[in-house]
Amino acid sequence: MAFLRVLKAALLPMVTLWGVLLGHLLGGAVIVESVFSLPGLGKLAADAVLNRDIPVIQGTVLIMTLMFVISSQAVEVMYHI
């Protein structure tokens, strides 16, 4: 029983780290997809910036922001479990 209490307390920093790392993954996707010419949301965003395609930039920023907000909310929910 004591192990579960210790485990719950030890997982809080890990859950926080997962939320922060997801934000870094989204930012890193732009760089990795651009350097290696991989198709994806990051390359789409980078190409849209280079071509000054404002609606596509707005869409990709909106999608990445929603992904980050949803992951942050999931982390908050995991705190209370």
PDB file of N, CA and C in Angstrom:
ATOM      1  N   MET A   1       0.821  -1.190   0.000  1.00  0.00           N
ATOM      2  CA  MET A   1       0.000   0.000   0.000  1.00  0.00           C
ATOM      3  C   MET A   1       0.866   1.254   0.000  1.00  0.00           C
ATOM      4  N   ALA A   2       1.957   1.233   0.757  1.00  0.00           N
ATOM      5  CA  ALA A   2       2.845   2.395   0.804  1.00  0.00           C
ATOM      6  C   ALA A   2       3.523   2.613  -0.549  1.00  0.00           C
ATOM      7  N   PHE A   3       3.768   1.514  -1.278  1.00  0.00           N
ATOM      8  CA  PHE A   3       4.395   1.628  -2.590  1.00  0.00           C
ATOM      9  C   PHE A   3       3.530   2.445  -3.544  1.00  0.00           C
ATOM     10  N   LEU A   4       2.222   2.265  -3.492  1.00  0.00           N
ATOM     11  CA  LEU A   4       1.327   3.003  -4.379  1.00  0.00           C
ATOM     12  C   LEU A   4       1.336   4.494  -4.070  1.00  0.00           C
ATOM     13  N   ARG A   5       1.417   4.839  -2.803  1.00  0.00           N
ATOM     14  CA  ARG A   5       1.471   6.260  -2.437  1.00  0.00           C
ATOM     15  C   ARG A   5       2.774   6.896  -2.912  1.00  0.00           C
ATOM     16  N   VAL A   6       3.849   6.167  -2.764  1.00  0.00           N
ATOM     17  CA  VAL A   6       5.144   6.677  -3.214  1.00  0.00           C
ATOM     18  C   VAL A   6       5.163   6.780  -4.739  1.00  0.00           C
ATOM     19  N   LEU A   7       4.598   5.791  -5.410  1.00  0.00           N
ATOM     20  CA  LEU A   7       4.553   5.801  -6.867  1.00  0.00           C
ATOM     21  C   LEU A   7       3.746   6.985  -7.383  1.00  0.00           C
ATOM     22  N   LYS A   8       2.616   7.248  -6.744  1.00  0.00           N
ATOM     23  CA  LYS A   8       1.781   8.376  -7.162  1.00  0.00           C
ATOM     24  C   LYS A   8       2.531   9.696  -7.001  1.00  0.00           C
ATOM     25  N   ALA A   9       3.243   9.857  -5.919  1.00  0.00           N
ATOM     26  CA  ALA A   9       4.011  11.079  -5.698  1.00  0.00           C
ATOM     27  C   ALA A   9       5.188  11.181  -6.669  1.00  0.00           C
ATOM     28  N   ALA A  10       5.767  10.055  -7.019  1.00  0.00           N
ATOM     29  CA  ALA A  10       6.921  10.068  -7.919  1.00  0.00           C
ATOM     30  C   ALA A  10       6.520  10.313  -9.368  1.00  0.00           C
ATOM     31  N   LEU A  11       5.286  10.010  -9.728  1.00  0.00           N
ATOM     32  CA  LEU A  11       4.853  10.181 -11.111  1.00  0.00           C
ATOM     33  C   LEU A  11       4.493  11.621 -11.454  1.00  0.00           C
ATOM     34  N   LEU A  12       4.250  12.465 -10.473  1.00  0.00           N
ATOM     35  CA  LEU A  12       3.879  13.852 -10.767  1.00  0.00           C
ATOM     36  C   LEU A  12       4.933  14.588 -11.590  1.00  0.00           C
ATOM     37  N   PRO A  13       6.204  14.528 -11.241  1.00  0.00           N
ATOM     38  CA  PRO A  13       7.195  15.203 -12.095  1.00  0.00           C
ATOM     39  C   PRO A  13       7.298  14.588 -13.490  1.00  0.00           C
ATOM     40  N   MET A  14       7.089  13.285 -13.584  1.00  0.00           N
ATOM     41  CA  MET A  14       7.147  12.631 -14.889  1.00  0.00           C
ATOM     42  C   MET A  14       6.014  13.102 -15.789  1.00  0.00           C
ATOM     43  N   VAL A  15       4.820  13.214 -15.232  1.00  0.00           N
ATOM     44  CA  VAL A  15       3.668  13.680 -16.006  1.00  0.00           C
ATOM     45  C   VAL A  15       3.904  15.112 -16.478  1.00  0.00           C
ATOM     46  N   THR A  16       4.460  15.945 -15.628  1.00  0.00           N
ATOM     47  CA  THR A  16       4.776  17.319 -16.007  1.00  0.00           C
ATOM     48  C   THR A  16       5.792  17.337 -17.139  1.00  0.00           C
ATOM     49  N   LEU A  17       6.786  16.493 -17.052  1.00  0.00           N
ATOM     50  CA  LEU A  17       7.810  16.428 -18.083  1.00  0.00           C
ATOM     51  C   LEU A  17       7.223  15.990 -19.417  1.00  0.00           C
ATOM     52  N   TRP A  18       6.285  15.042 -19.391  1.00  0.00           N
ATOM     53  CA  TRP A  18       5.657  14.596 -20.634  1.00  0.00           C
ATOM     54  C   TRP A  18       4.919  15.740 -21.319  1.00  0.00           C
ATOM     55  N   GLY A  19       4.244  16.562 -20.544  1.00  0.00           N
ATOM     56  CA  GLY A  19       3.541  17.711 -21.117  1.00  0.00           C
ATOM     57  C   GLY A  19       4.491  18.701 -21.760  1.00  0.00           C
ATOM     58  N   VAL A  20       5.610  18.959 -21.119  1.00  0.00           N
ATOM     59  CA  VAL A  20       6.598  19.894 -21.668  1.00  0.00           C
ATOM     60  C   VAL A  20       7.265  19.298 -22.906  1.00  0.00           C
ATOM     61  N   LEU A  21       7.569  18.017 -22.861  1.00  0.00           N
ATOM     62  CA  LEU A  21       8.237  17.379 -23.994  1.00  0.00           C
ATOM     63  C   LEU A  21       7.363  17.357 -25.239  1.00  0.00           C
ATOM     64  N   LEU A  22       6.054  17.281 -25.077  1.00  0.00           N
ATOM     65  CA  LEU A  22       5.185  17.302 -26.252  1.00  0.00           C
ATOM     66  C   LEU A  22       5.305  18.634 -26.981  1.00  0.00           C
ATOM     67  N   GLY A  23       5.415  19.714 -26.243  1.00  0.00           N
ATOM     68  CA  GLY A  23       5.630  21.010 -26.872  1.00  0.00           C
ATOM     69  C   GLY A  23       6.939  21.058 -27.639  1.00  0.00           C
ATOM     70  N   HIS A  24       7.983  20.458 -27.081  1.00  0.00           N
ATOM     71  CA  HIS A  24       9.268  20.408 -27.771  1.00  0.00           C
ATOM     72  C   HIS A  24       9.186  19.517 -29.012  1.00  0.00           C
ATOM     73  N   LEU A  25       8.405  18.451 -28.940  1.00  0.00           N
ATOM     74  CA  LEU A  25       8.235  17.586 -30.106  1.00  0.00           C
ATOM     75  C   LEU A  25       7.553  18.327 -31.246  1.00  0.00           C
ATOM     76  N   LEU A  26       6.559  19.138 -30.925  1.00  0.00           N
ATOM     77  CA  LEU A  26       5.873  19.904 -31.966  1.00  0.00           C
ATOM     78  C   LEU A  26       6.826  20.897 -32.621  1.00  0.00           C
ATOM     79  N   GLY A  27       7.630  21.563 -31.832  1.00  0.00           N
ATOM     80  CA  GLY A  27       8.601  22.501 -32.384  1.00  0.00           C
ATOM     81  C   GLY A  27       9.702  21.799 -33.166  1.00  0.00           C
ATOM     82  N   GLY A  28      10.129  20.658 -32.689  1.00  0.00           N
ATOM     83  CA  GLY A  28      11.170  19.899 -33.371  1.00  0.00           C
ATOM     84  C   GLY A  28      10.699  19.284 -34.672  1.00  0.00           C
ATOM     85  N   ALA A  29       9.392  19.046 -34.789  1.00  0.00           N
ATOM     86  CA  ALA A  29       8.850  18.471 -36.019  1.00  0.00           C
ATOM     87  C   ALA A  29       9.082  19.404 -37.197  1.00  0.00           C
ATOM     88  N   VAL A  30       8.976  20.692 -36.966  1.00  0.00           N
ATOM     89  CA  VAL A  30       9.192  21.665 -38.042  1.00  0.00           C
ATOM     90  C   VAL A  30      10.619  21.550 -38.562  1.00  0.00           C
ATOM     91  N   ILE A  31      11.572  21.455 -37.658  1.00  0.00           N
ATOM     92  CA  ILE A  31      12.985  21.397 -38.057  1.00  0.00           C
ATOM     93  C   ILE A  31      13.308  20.067 -38.736  1.00  0.00           C
ATOM     94  N   VAL A  32      12.911  18.961 -38.128  1.00  0.00           N
ATOM     95  CA  VAL A  32      13.247  17.640 -38.664  1.00  0.00           C
ATOM     96  C   VAL A  32      12.590  17.420 -40.021  1.00  0.00           C
ATOM     97  N   GLU A  33      11.322  17.785 -40.151  1.00  0.00           N
ATOM     98  CA  GLU A  33      10.627  17.578 -41.421  1.00  0.00           C
ATOM     99  C   GLU A  33      11.191  18.472 -42.517  1.00  0.00           C
ATOM    100  N   SER A  34      11.645  19.651 -42.165  1.00  0.00           N
ATOM    101  CA  SER A  34      12.235  20.540 -43.171  1.00  0.00           C
ATOM    102  C   SER A  34      13.612  20.049 -43.608  1.00  0.00           C
ATOM    103  N   VAL A  35      14.430  19.629 -42.664  1.00  0.00           N
ATOM    104  CA  VAL A  35      15.791  19.193 -42.995  1.00  0.00           C
ATOM    105  C   VAL A  35      15.775  17.915 -43.820  1.00  0.00           C
ATOM    106  N   PHE A  36      14.937  16.949 -43.445  1.00  0.00           N
ATOM    107  CA  PHE A  36      14.923  15.657 -44.126  1.00  0.00           C
ATOM    108  C   PHE A  36      13.836  15.542 -45.190  1.00  0.00           C
ATOM    109  N   SER A  37      13.153  16.621 -45.497  1.00  0.00           N
ATOM    110  CA  SER A  37      12.095  16.667 -46.523  1.00  0.00           C
ATOM    111  C   SER A  37      11.026  15.608 -46.289  1.00  0.00           C
ATOM    112  N   LEU A  38      10.645  15.442 -45.049  1.00  0.00           N
ATOM    113  CA  LEU A  38       9.573  14.513 -44.707  1.00  0.00           C
ATOM    114  C   LEU A  38       8.235  15.240 -44.797  1.00  0.00           C
ATOM    115  N   PRO A  39       7.214  14.578 -45.331  1.00  0.00           N
ATOM    116  CA  PRO A  39       5.914  15.240 -45.375  1.00  0.00           C
ATOM    117  C   PRO A  39       5.288  15.262 -43.982  1.00  0.00           C
ATOM    118  N   GLY A  40       4.679  16.364 -43.651  1.00  0.00           N
ATOM    119  CA  GLY A  40       4.034  16.470 -42.349  1.00  0.00           C
ATOM    120  C   GLY A  40       3.616  17.890 -42.061  1.00  0.00           C
ATOM    121  N   LEU A  41       3.049  18.075 -40.892  1.00  0.00           N
ATOM    122  CA  LEU A  41       2.546  19.388 -40.496  1.00  0.00           C
ATOM    123  C   LEU A  41       3.679  20.393 -40.324  1.00  0.00           C
ATOM    124  N   GLY A  42       4.814  19.951 -39.839  1.00  0.00           N
ATOM    125  CA  GLY A  42       5.951  20.850 -39.667  1.00  0.00           C
ATOM    126  C   GLY A  42       6.486  21.372 -40.991  1.00  0.00           C
ATOM    127  N   LYS A  43       6.625  20.493 -41.971  1.00  0.00           N
ATOM    128  CA  LYS A  43       7.102  20.921 -43.294  1.00  0.00           C
ATOM    129  C   LYS A  43       6.073  21.812 -43.962  1.00  0.00           C
ATOM    130  N   LEU A  44       4.810  21.497 -43.774  1.00  0.00           N
ATOM    131  CA  LEU A  44       3.753  22.343 -44.328  1.00  0.00           C
ATOM    132  C   LEU A  44       3.840  23.748 -43.754  1.00  0.00           C
ATOM    133  N   ALA A  45       4.063  23.849 -42.461  1.00  0.00           N
ATOM    134  CA  ALA A  45       4.176  25.163 -41.822  1.00  0.00           C
ATOM    135  C   ALA A  45       5.408  25.905 -42.320  1.00  0.00           C
ATOM    136  N   ALA A  46       6.531  25.221 -42.431  1.00  0.00           N
ATOM    137  CA  ALA A  46       7.757  25.872 -42.897  1.00  0.00           C
ATOM    138  C   ALA A  46       7.621  26.338 -44.344  1.00  0.00           C
ATOM    139  N   ASP A  47       7.039  25.499 -45.193  1.00  0.00           N
ATOM    140  CA  ASP A  47       6.838  25.895 -46.592  1.00  0.00           C
ATOM    141  C   ASP A  47       5.864  27.059 -46.704  1.00  0.00           C
ATOM    142  N   ALA A  48       4.848  27.067 -45.861  1.00  0.00           N
ATOM    143  CA  ALA A  48       3.879  28.162 -45.888  1.00  0.00           C
ATOM    144  C   ALA A  48       4.529  29.479 -45.475  1.00  0.00           C
ATOM    145  N   VAL A  49       5.430  29.434 -44.520  1.00  0.00           N
ATOM    146  CA  VAL A  49       6.141  30.655 -44.112  1.00  0.00           C
ATOM    147  C   VAL A  49       7.024  31.152 -45.248  1.00  0.00           C
ATOM    148  N   LEU A  50       7.730  30.235 -45.898  1.00  0.00           N
ATOM    149  CA  LEU A  50       8.609  30.639 -47.005  1.00  0.00           C
ATOM    150  C   LEU A  50       7.822  31.206 -48.182  1.00  0.00           C
ATOM    151  N   ASN A  51       6.613  30.675 -48.413  1.00  0.00           N
ATOM    152  CA  ASN A  51       5.779  31.138 -49.530  1.00  0.00           C
ATOM    153  C   ASN A  51       4.820  32.252 -49.130  1.00  0.00           C
ATOM    154  N   ARG A  52       4.866  32.662 -47.870  1.00  0.00           N
ATOM    155  CA  ARG A  52       3.981  33.703 -47.328  1.00  0.00           C
ATOM    156  C   ARG A  52       2.504  33.370 -47.555  1.00  0.00           C
ATOM    157  N   ASP A  53       2.159  32.125 -47.286  1.00  0.00           N
ATOM    158  CA  ASP A  53       0.784  31.646 -47.427  1.00  0.00           C
ATOM    159  C   ASP A  53       0.094  31.772 -46.066  1.00  0.00           C
ATOM    160  N   ILE A  54      -0.507  32.927 -45.834  1.00  0.00           N
ATOM    161  CA  ILE A  54      -1.052  33.264 -44.517  1.00  0.00           C
ATOM    162  C   ILE A  54      -2.142  32.292 -44.048  1.00  0.00           C
ATOM    163  N   PRO A  55      -3.132  31.909 -44.878  1.00  0.00           N
ATOM    164  CA  PRO A  55      -4.161  30.981 -44.374  1.00  0.00           C
ATOM    165  C   PRO A  55      -3.593  29.630 -43.929  1.00  0.00           C
ATOM    166  N   VAL A  56      -2.595  29.132 -44.641  1.00  0.00           N
ATOM    167  CA  VAL A  56      -1.994  27.849 -44.252  1.00  0.00           C
ATOM    168  C   VAL A  56      -1.210  28.010 -42.955  1.00  0.00           C
ATOM    169  N   ILE A  57      -0.517  29.135 -42.810  1.00  0.00           N
ATOM    170  CA  ILE A  57       0.205  29.399 -41.559  1.00  0.00           C
ATOM    171  C   ILE A  57      -0.775  29.439 -40.394  1.00  0.00           C
ATOM    172  N   GLN A  58      -1.889  30.134 -40.580  1.00  0.00           N
ATOM    173  CA  GLN A  58      -2.892  30.221 -39.514  1.00  0.00           C
ATOM    174  C   GLN A  58      -3.448  28.844 -39.168  1.00  0.00           C
ATOM    175  N   GLY A  59      -3.695  28.031 -40.184  1.00  0.00           N
ATOM    176  CA  GLY A  59      -4.224  26.690 -39.939  1.00  0.00           C
ATOM    177  C   GLY A  59      -3.254  25.792 -39.199  1.00  0.00           C
ATOM    178  N   THR A  60      -1.993  25.811 -39.612  1.00  0.00           N
ATOM    179  CA  THR A  60      -1.012  24.953 -38.945  1.00  0.00           C
ATOM    180  C   THR A  60      -0.747  25.418 -37.516  1.00  0.00           C
ATOM    181  N   VAL A  61      -0.709  26.727 -37.318  1.00  0.00           N
ATOM    182  CA  VAL A  61      -0.523  27.237 -35.951  1.00  0.00           C
ATOM    183  C   VAL A  61      -1.718  26.864 -35.087  1.00  0.00           C
ATOM    184  N   LEU A  62      -2.917  26.945 -35.639  1.00  0.00           N
ATOM    185  CA  LEU A  62      -4.124  26.572 -34.897  1.00  0.00           C
ATOM    186  C   LEU A  62      -4.091  25.096 -34.514  1.00  0.00           C
ATOM    187  N   ILE A  63      -3.735  24.244 -35.452  1.00  0.00           N
ATOM    188  CA  ILE A  63      -3.701  22.804 -35.174  1.00  0.00           C
ATOM    189  C   ILE A  63      -2.637  22.476 -34.129  1.00  0.00           C
ATOM    190  N   MET A  64      -1.441  23.055 -34.274  1.00  0.00           N
ATOM    191  CA  MET A  64      -0.380  22.787 -33.293  1.00  0.00           C
ATOM    192  C   MET A  64      -0.745  23.332 -31.918  1.00  0.00           C
ATOM    193  N   THR A  65      -1.400  24.481 -31.886  1.00  0.00           N
ATOM    194  CA  THR A  65      -1.832  25.046 -30.606  1.00  0.00           C
ATOM    195  C   THR A  65      -2.883  24.165 -29.951  1.00  0.00           C
ATOM    196  N   LEU A  66      -3.830  23.677 -30.737  1.00  0.00           N
ATOM    197  CA  LEU A  66      -4.848  22.777 -30.188  1.00  0.00           C
ATOM    198  C   LEU A  66      -4.222  21.494 -29.651  1.00  0.00           C
ATOM    199  N   MET A  67      -3.240  20.965 -30.366  1.00  0.00           N
ATOM    200  CA  MET A  67      -2.564  19.758 -29.881  1.00  0.00           C
ATOM    201  C   MET A  67      -1.867  20.024 -28.555  1.00  0.00           C
ATOM    202  N   PHE A  68      -1.231  21.182 -28.434  1.00  0.00           N
ATOM    203  CA  PHE A  68      -0.531  21.518 -27.199  1.00  0.00           C
ATOM    204  C   PHE A  68      -1.513  21.753 -26.055  1.00  0.00           C
ATOM    205  N   VAL A  69      -2.622  22.435 -26.329  1.00  0.00           N
ATOM    206  CA  VAL A  69      -3.617  22.701 -25.284  1.00  0.00           C
ATOM    207  C   VAL A  69      -4.264  21.402 -24.818  1.00  0.00           C
ATOM    208  N   ILE A  70      -4.584  20.525 -25.753  1.00  0.00           N
ATOM    209  CA  ILE A  70      -5.195  19.243 -25.382  1.00  0.00           C
ATOM    210  C   ILE A  70      -4.221  18.415 -24.551  1.00  0.00           C
ATOM    211  N   SER A  71      -2.945  18.424 -24.920  1.00  0.00           N
ATOM    212  CA  SER A  71      -1.976  17.668 -24.119  1.00  0.00           C
ATOM    213  C   SER A  71      -1.804  18.284 -22.737  1.00  0.00           C
ATOM    214  N   SER A  72      -1.852  19.606 -22.647  1.00  0.00           N
ATOM    215  CA  SER A  72      -1.755  20.255 -21.333  1.00  0.00           C
ATOM    216  C   SER A  72      -2.960  19.908 -20.467  1.00  0.00           C
ATOM    217  N   GLN A  73      -4.122  19.862 -21.073  1.00  0.00           N
ATOM    218  CA  GLN A  73      -5.318  19.484 -20.322  1.00  0.00           C
ATOM    219  C   GLN A  73      -5.248  18.024 -19.883  1.00  0.00           C
ATOM    220  N   ALA A  74      -4.698  17.168 -20.735  1.00  0.00           N
ATOM    221  CA  ALA A  74      -4.540  15.762 -20.357  1.00  0.00           C
ATOM    222  C   ALA A  74      -3.588  15.624 -19.174  1.00  0.00           C
ATOM    223  N   VAL A  75      -2.535  16.426 -19.153  1.00  0.00           N
ATOM    224  CA  VAL A  75      -1.607  16.409 -18.022  1.00  0.00           C
ATOM    225  C   VAL A  75      -2.324  16.862 -16.759  1.00  0.00           C
ATOM    226  N   GLU A  76      -3.133  17.897 -16.854  1.00  0.00           N
ATOM    227  CA  GLU A  76      -3.886  18.371 -15.689  1.00  0.00           C
ATOM    228  C   GLU A  76      -4.846  17.301 -15.176  1.00  0.00           C
ATOM    229  N   VAL A  77      -5.471  16.567 -16.082  1.00  0.00           N
ATOM    230  CA  VAL A  77      -6.377  15.491 -15.668  1.00  0.00           C
ATOM    231  C   VAL A  77      -5.590  14.378 -14.984  1.00  0.00           C
ATOM    232  N   MET A  78      -4.398  14.087 -15.493  1.00  0.00           N
ATOM    233  CA  MET A  78      -3.579  13.034 -14.890  1.00  0.00           C
ATOM    234  C   MET A  78      -3.109  13.403 -13.488  1.00  0.00           C
ATOM    235  N   TYR A  79      -2.998  14.688 -13.195  1.00  0.00           N
ATOM    236  CA  TYR A  79      -2.618  15.102 -11.844  1.00  0.00           C
ATOM    237  C   TYR A  79      -3.647  14.644 -10.816  1.00  0.00           C
ATOM    238  N   HIS A  80      -4.902  14.622 -11.213  1.00  0.00           N
ATOM    239  CA  HIS A  80      -5.976  14.334 -10.263  1.00  0.00           C
ATOM    240  C   HIS A  80      -6.341  12.860 -10.208  1.00  0.00           C
ATOM    241  N   ILE A  81      -5.656  12.042 -10.952  1.00  0.00           N
ATOM    242  CA  ILE A  81      -5.944  10.597 -10.916  1.00  0.00           C
ATOM    243  C   ILE A  81      -5.188   9.965  -9.772  1.00  0.00           C
TER     244      ILE A  81
END
